[in-house]
């Protein structure tokens, strides 16, 4: 593979673009508006500068890496990509509509992957042709992508072994560890992460303790790298709510979102990306 297409220049998409470019791939980065692409490229430059300061890169490497990344506002530009990774919002209808368009545009041996953190890969693959479904897979990266080592590789019902092996090889080249997961909504990590987050919000709603006290209890008492409410702000509370609602429909009431979480999303308190969630930024 030589060219990687990334759909979505947000925090996940620009991170995947960055690690792909560092590994030497040509990267095509897509979003629906130029301002989103500009913001993503700016975030990449900041991230690469931090890597230079930590002596993980040479300063002369930065323009070479950024030069590997081209931007596009037109899906038709993805016709020659070898692998496309989707990192757009967790809205099933939006994802399926995008995949259906790509199925027509892309060359027949192109692999299409979704970075979804929860949605069934088999369900998403139903939006493309039967032949393409064998080349459809889940590649679930973690935030922040340049730092987090894991990628969950999720096999759809008809994902081929060749697609699986090629996807794992790509992950190795970008220096990520992989786990191969069978296709159940929420996969391994997200099912647990949103349960912990949701229960922490219930604890806050019930007056068990402050945001800081709940986070500190989990961070120090259970040796988590960050508290669940901090993690929620990082993920985006709207994203967490989308996932909880989806998993509730799939698995039942144990994933019923806390009313306080829904109230915060309605108020526009989404976490880091809006400037305020459980904390202010």
Protein backbone atom coordinates (compact mmCIF):
# COMPACT_ATOMS: atom_id res chain seq x y z
CA UNK A 1 0.00 0.00 0.00
CA UNK A 2 1.17 3.50 -0.81
CA UNK A 3 -1.76 5.89 -0.35
CA UNK A 4 -3.97 6.11 2.73
CA UNK A 5 -7.19 8.10 2.62
CA UNK A 6 -8.50 9.55 5.88
CA UNK A 7 -12.12 10.71 6.16
CA UNK A 8 -12.43 13.40 8.82
CA UNK A 9 -9.76 15.88 9.91
CA UNK A 10 -10.85 15.98 13.55
CA UNK A 11 -8.85 14.78 16.53
CA UNK A 12 -8.92 11.12 15.45
CA UNK A 13 -8.55 11.68 11.71
CA UNK A 14 -5.62 14.07 11.96
CA UNK A 15 -3.91 11.72 14.41
CA UNK A 16 -4.27 8.76 12.04
CA UNK A 17 -3.04 10.94 9.18
CA UNK A 18 -0.02 11.97 11.22
CA UNK A 19 1.15 8.47 12.17
CA UNK A 20 0.56 7.27 8.59
CA UNK A 21 2.67 10.10 7.16
CA UNK A 22 5.44 9.50 9.72
CA UNK A 23 5.52 5.87 8.55
CA UNK A 24 6.07 7.05 4.97
CA UNK A 25 2.62 6.70 3.46
CA UNK A 26 1.11 9.29 1.15
CA UNK A 27 -1.99 10.58 2.94
CA UNK A 28 -5.14 12.16 1.52
CA UNK A 29 -7.11 13.95 4.26
CA UNK A 30 -10.78 14.74 3.62
CA UNK A 31 -13.36 16.85 5.39
CA UNK A 32 -16.55 18.67 4.39
CA UNK A 33 -15.19 22.20 4.94
CA UNK A 34 -11.76 23.78 4.50
CA UNK A 35 -11.82 25.19 8.04
CA UNK A 36 -11.90 21.66 9.47
CA UNK A 37 -8.95 20.62 7.31
CA UNK A 38 -7.00 23.74 8.30
CA UNK A 39 -7.65 23.06 11.96
CA UNK A 40 -6.54 19.43 11.58
CA UNK A 41 -3.31 20.38 9.80
CA UNK A 42 -2.57 22.97 12.51
CA UNK A 43 -3.06 20.33 15.21
CA UNK A 44 -0.69 17.99 13.37
CA UNK A 45 2.00 20.65 13.18
CA UNK A 46 1.65 21.28 16.92
CA UNK A 47 1.88 17.55 17.64
CA UNK A 48 4.97 17.14 15.46
CA UNK A 49 6.59 20.14 17.19
CA UNK A 50 6.04 18.46 20.54
CA UNK A 51 7.71 15.32 19.18
CA UNK A 52 10.71 17.41 18.09
CA UNK A 53 10.99 18.88 21.61
CA UNK A 54 10.91 15.36 23.06
CA UNK A 55 13.62 14.37 20.54
CA UNK A 56 11.39 11.77 18.89
CA UNK A 57 11.78 13.58 15.56
CA UNK A 58 14.30 15.89 13.95
CA UNK A 59 13.14 19.39 13.12
CA UNK A 60 14.01 18.71 9.48
CA UNK A 61 11.57 15.74 9.52
CA UNK A 62 8.50 17.95 10.07
CA UNK A 63 8.22 19.52 6.58
CA UNK A 64 8.88 16.10 5.00
CA UNK A 65 6.05 14.54 7.01
CA UNK A 66 3.63 17.40 6.35
CA UNK A 67 4.56 17.20 2.68
CA UNK A 68 3.18 13.65 2.63
CA UNK A 69 -0.30 14.94 3.48
CA UNK A 70 -2.64 16.35 0.84
CA UNK A 71 -6.09 17.75 1.61
CA UNK A 72 -9.35 17.32 -0.27
CA UNK A 73 -12.98 18.42 -0.09
CA UNK A 74 -14.03 15.92 -2.78
CA UNK A 75 -14.54 12.19 -2.17
CA UNK A 76 -13.80 11.54 -5.85
CA UNK A 77 -10.13 12.23 -5.10
CA UNK A 78 -10.05 8.94 -3.17
CA UNK A 79 -10.34 6.82 -6.33
CA UNK A 80 -6.71 5.66 -6.19
CA UNK A 81 -6.36 5.05 -2.44
CA UNK A 82 -5.20 1.62 -1.26
CA UNK A 83 -6.75 1.94 2.21
CA UNK A 84 -9.40 4.38 3.42
CA UNK A 85 -10.00 4.93 7.13
CA UNK A 86 -13.23 6.65 8.13
CA UNK A 87 -13.12 8.88 11.22
CA UNK A 88 -16.34 10.90 10.95
CA UNK A 89 -19.03 11.35 13.68
CA UNK A 90 -20.61 8.27 15.28
CA UNK A 91 -23.86 8.58 13.31
CA UNK A 92 -24.78 5.36 11.52
CA UNK A 93 -26.75 6.97 8.69
CA UNK A 94 -23.92 9.41 7.93
CA UNK A 95 -21.32 6.65 7.89
CA UNK A 96 -23.41 4.36 5.67
CA UNK A 97 -24.14 7.15 3.22
CA UNK A 98 -20.42 7.93 2.97
CA UNK A 99 -19.42 4.29 2.51
CA UNK A 100 -21.99 3.83 -0.26
CA UNK A 101 -20.42 6.74 -2.14
CA UNK A 102 -16.91 5.38 -1.63
CA UNK A 103 -17.94 1.95 -2.89
CA UNK A 104 -18.68 3.51 -6.28
CA UNK A 105 -15.60 5.76 -6.34
CA UNK A 106 -12.81 3.48 -5.06
CA UNK A 107 -10.81 0.94 -7.02
CA UNK A 108 -11.96 -2.63 -6.43
CA UNK A 109 -8.98 -3.73 -4.31
CA UNK A 110 -9.18 -0.74 -1.94
CA UNK A 111 -9.78 -1.66 1.71
CA UNK A 112 -12.35 0.44 3.56
CA UNK A 113 -11.96 0.66 7.34
CA UNK A 114 -14.02 2.37 9.99
CA UNK A 115 -12.54 3.91 13.12
CA UNK A 116 -15.91 3.55 14.86
CA UNK A 117 -15.58 2.86 18.56
CA UNK A 118 -18.86 0.98 18.88
CA UNK A 119 -20.94 0.40 15.74
CA UNK A 120 -21.13 -3.10 14.27
CA UNK A 121 -18.71 -3.49 11.36
CA UNK A 122 -21.02 -6.00 9.69
CA UNK A 123 -23.84 -3.45 9.85
CA UNK A 124 -21.67 -0.70 8.37
CA UNK A 125 -20.41 -3.07 5.66
CA UNK A 126 -23.99 -3.66 4.52
CA UNK A 127 -23.85 -0.23 2.88
CA UNK A 128 -21.37 -1.43 0.23
CA UNK A 129 -21.50 -4.14 -2.45
CA UNK A 130 -21.14 -7.81 -1.54
CA UNK A 131 -17.70 -7.92 -3.15
CA UNK A 132 -16.53 -4.86 -1.19
CA UNK A 133 -17.80 -6.30 2.11
CA UNK A 134 -14.90 -8.76 2.08
CA UNK A 135 -12.59 -5.70 2.05
CA UNK A 136 -14.39 -3.91 4.88
CA UNK A 137 -12.91 -3.90 8.40
CA UNK A 138 -12.81 -2.00 11.67
CA UNK A 139 -9.62 -0.21 12.78
CA UNK A 140 -10.39 1.37 16.14
CA UNK A 141 -7.64 3.81 17.13
CA UNK A 142 -7.40 5.52 20.51
CA UNK A 143 -7.04 9.17 21.47
CA UNK A 144 -4.46 10.68 21.24
CA UNK A 145 -3.51 8.54 18.26
CA UNK A 146 0.22 9.43 18.16
CA UNK A 147 0.65 8.34 21.80
CA UNK A 148 -1.75 5.40 22.21
CA UNK A 149 -0.25 2.11 21.07
CA UNK A 150 -3.38 -0.02 20.58
CA UNK A 151 -5.57 -0.55 17.54
CA UNK A 152 -8.58 -2.86 17.82
CA UNK A 153 -8.92 -4.72 14.52
CA UNK A 154 -12.55 -5.81 14.11
CA UNK A 155 -13.55 -8.50 11.64
CA UNK A 156 -16.94 -8.17 10.00
CA UNK A 157 -18.98 -11.25 9.23
CA UNK A 158 -17.43 -11.60 5.75
CA UNK A 159 -14.12 -9.74 6.15
CA UNK A 160 -11.51 -11.77 4.26
CA UNK A 161 -8.30 -13.09 5.80
CA UNK A 162 -6.33 -11.11 3.22
CA UNK A 163 -8.04 -7.88 4.34
CA UNK A 164 -7.38 -8.77 7.97
CA UNK A 165 -3.70 -9.56 7.38
CA UNK A 166 -3.12 -6.45 5.24
CA UNK A 167 -4.75 -4.26 7.90
CA UNK A 168 -2.62 -5.78 10.67
CA UNK A 169 0.51 -5.22 8.57
CA UNK A 170 -0.44 -1.55 8.12
CA UNK A 171 -0.81 -1.21 11.89
CA UNK A 172 2.62 -2.73 12.41
CA UNK A 173 4.18 -0.32 9.92
CA UNK A 174 2.72 2.66 11.80
CA UNK A 175 4.10 1.05 15.00
CA UNK A 176 0.85 0.08 16.69
CA UNK A 177 -0.02 -3.04 18.67
CA UNK A 178 -3.15 -4.87 17.57
CA UNK A 179 -5.83 -7.08 19.04
CA UNK A 180 -8.20 -8.93 16.70
CA UNK A 181 -11.80 -8.66 17.90
CA UNK A 182 -14.91 -10.36 16.59
CA UNK A 183 -17.77 -8.11 15.61
CA UNK A 184 -20.03 -7.24 18.54
CA UNK A 185 -21.17 -3.64 19.16
CA UNK A 186 -18.84 -1.74 21.49
CA UNK A 187 -16.03 -4.24 20.87
CA UNK A 188 -13.78 -4.87 23.91
CA UNK A 189 -12.71 -1.44 25.11
CA UNK A 190 -15.68 0.83 24.44
CA UNK A 191 -18.22 -1.42 26.16
CA UNK A 192 -16.23 -1.16 29.38
CA UNK A 193 -15.19 2.48 29.02
CA UNK A 194 -18.71 3.87 28.60
CA UNK A 195 -20.08 1.71 31.43
CA UNK A 196 -17.45 3.15 33.79
CA UNK A 197 -18.05 6.70 32.54
CA UNK A 198 -21.82 6.41 32.81
CA UNK A 199 -21.63 5.04 36.36
CA UNK A 200 -19.26 7.86 37.34
CA UNK A 201 -21.84 10.38 36.06
CA UNK A 202 -24.54 8.63 38.11
CA UNK A 203 -22.22 8.87 41.15
CA UNK A 204 -21.81 12.60 40.51
CA UNK A 205 -25.57 13.06 40.05
CA UNK A 206 -26.24 11.18 43.29
CA UNK A 207 -23.88 13.47 45.21
CA UNK A 208 -21.33 10.79 46.06
CA UNK A 209 -18.49 13.25 45.58
CA UNK A 210 -17.18 16.06 43.44
CA UNK A 211 -15.87 15.62 39.90
CA UNK A 212 -12.31 15.86 41.21
CA UNK A 213 -12.89 13.38 44.04
CA UNK A 214 -14.52 10.77 41.81
CA UNK A 215 -11.75 11.03 39.23
CA UNK A 216 -9.01 10.91 41.87
CA UNK A 217 -10.59 7.83 43.47
CA UNK A 218 -10.55 5.89 40.20
CA UNK A 219 -7.17 7.17 39.05
CA UNK A 220 -5.30 6.38 42.29
CA UNK A 221 -7.47 3.60 43.69
CA UNK A 222 -7.81 1.56 40.50
CA UNK A 223 -4.59 2.71 38.79
CA UNK A 224 -6.33 4.19 35.76
CA UNK A 225 -4.20 6.75 33.85
CA UNK A 226 -7.04 9.28 34.12
CA UNK A 227 -10.38 9.49 35.86
CA UNK A 228 -13.56 8.51 33.96
CA UNK A 229 -14.96 12.05 33.92
CA UNK A 230 -11.69 13.40 32.51
CA UNK A 231 -11.82 10.63 29.90
CA UNK A 232 -15.41 11.58 29.05
CA UNK A 233 -14.35 15.16 28.40
CA UNK A 234 -11.53 13.89 26.18
CA UNK A 235 -13.80 11.55 24.18
CA UNK A 236 -16.54 14.17 23.86
CA UNK A 237 -19.71 13.80 25.91
CA UNK A 238 -21.88 13.89 22.79
CA UNK A 239 -19.88 10.99 21.34
CA UNK A 240 -20.20 9.07 24.62
CA UNK A 241 -23.97 9.65 24.59
CA UNK A 242 -24.27 8.47 20.97
CA UNK A 243 -22.42 5.29 21.94
CA UNK A 244 -24.52 4.67 25.07
CA UNK A 245 -27.77 5.10 23.13
CA UNK A 246 -26.54 2.72 20.44
CA UNK A 247 -25.42 0.08 22.94
CA UNK A 248 -28.69 0.44 24.88
CA UNK A 249 -30.57 -0.42 21.70
CA UNK A 250 -28.27 -3.40 21.13
CA UNK A 251 -27.88 -4.79 24.67
CA UNK A 252 -30.63 -3.30 26.81
CA UNK A 253 -31.03 -1.00 29.83
CA UNK A 254 -27.61 -1.55 31.43
CA UNK A 255 -26.37 1.04 28.93
CA UNK A 256 -29.13 3.57 29.73
CA UNK A 257 -27.43 6.98 29.80
CA UNK A 258 -27.45 8.98 33.03
CA UNK A 259 -29.90 11.93 32.80
CA UNK A 260 -27.13 14.31 33.88
CA UNK A 261 -25.02 13.28 30.88
CA UNK A 262 -27.91 13.90 28.49
CA UNK A 263 -28.59 17.27 30.14
CA UNK A 264 -24.96 18.36 29.71
CA UNK A 265 -24.97 17.44 26.02
CA UNK A 266 -28.18 19.39 25.47
CA UNK A 267 -26.52 22.37 27.15
CA UNK A 268 -23.57 22.15 24.76
CA UNK A 269 -21.14 21.09 27.50
CA UNK A 270 -19.34 18.49 25.43
CA UNK A 271 -15.88 18.42 27.03
CA UNK A 272 -12.58 19.67 25.70
CA UNK A 273 -13.87 20.42 22.22
CA UNK A 274 -16.50 22.89 23.49
CA UNK A 275 -14.35 24.35 26.27
CA UNK A 276 -16.43 22.91 29.09
CA UNK A 277 -17.66 19.50 30.21
CA UNK A 278 -17.12 18.15 33.69
CA UNK A 279 -14.13 20.51 33.76
CA UNK A 280 -13.51 23.91 32.16
CA UNK A 281 -10.75 24.25 29.55
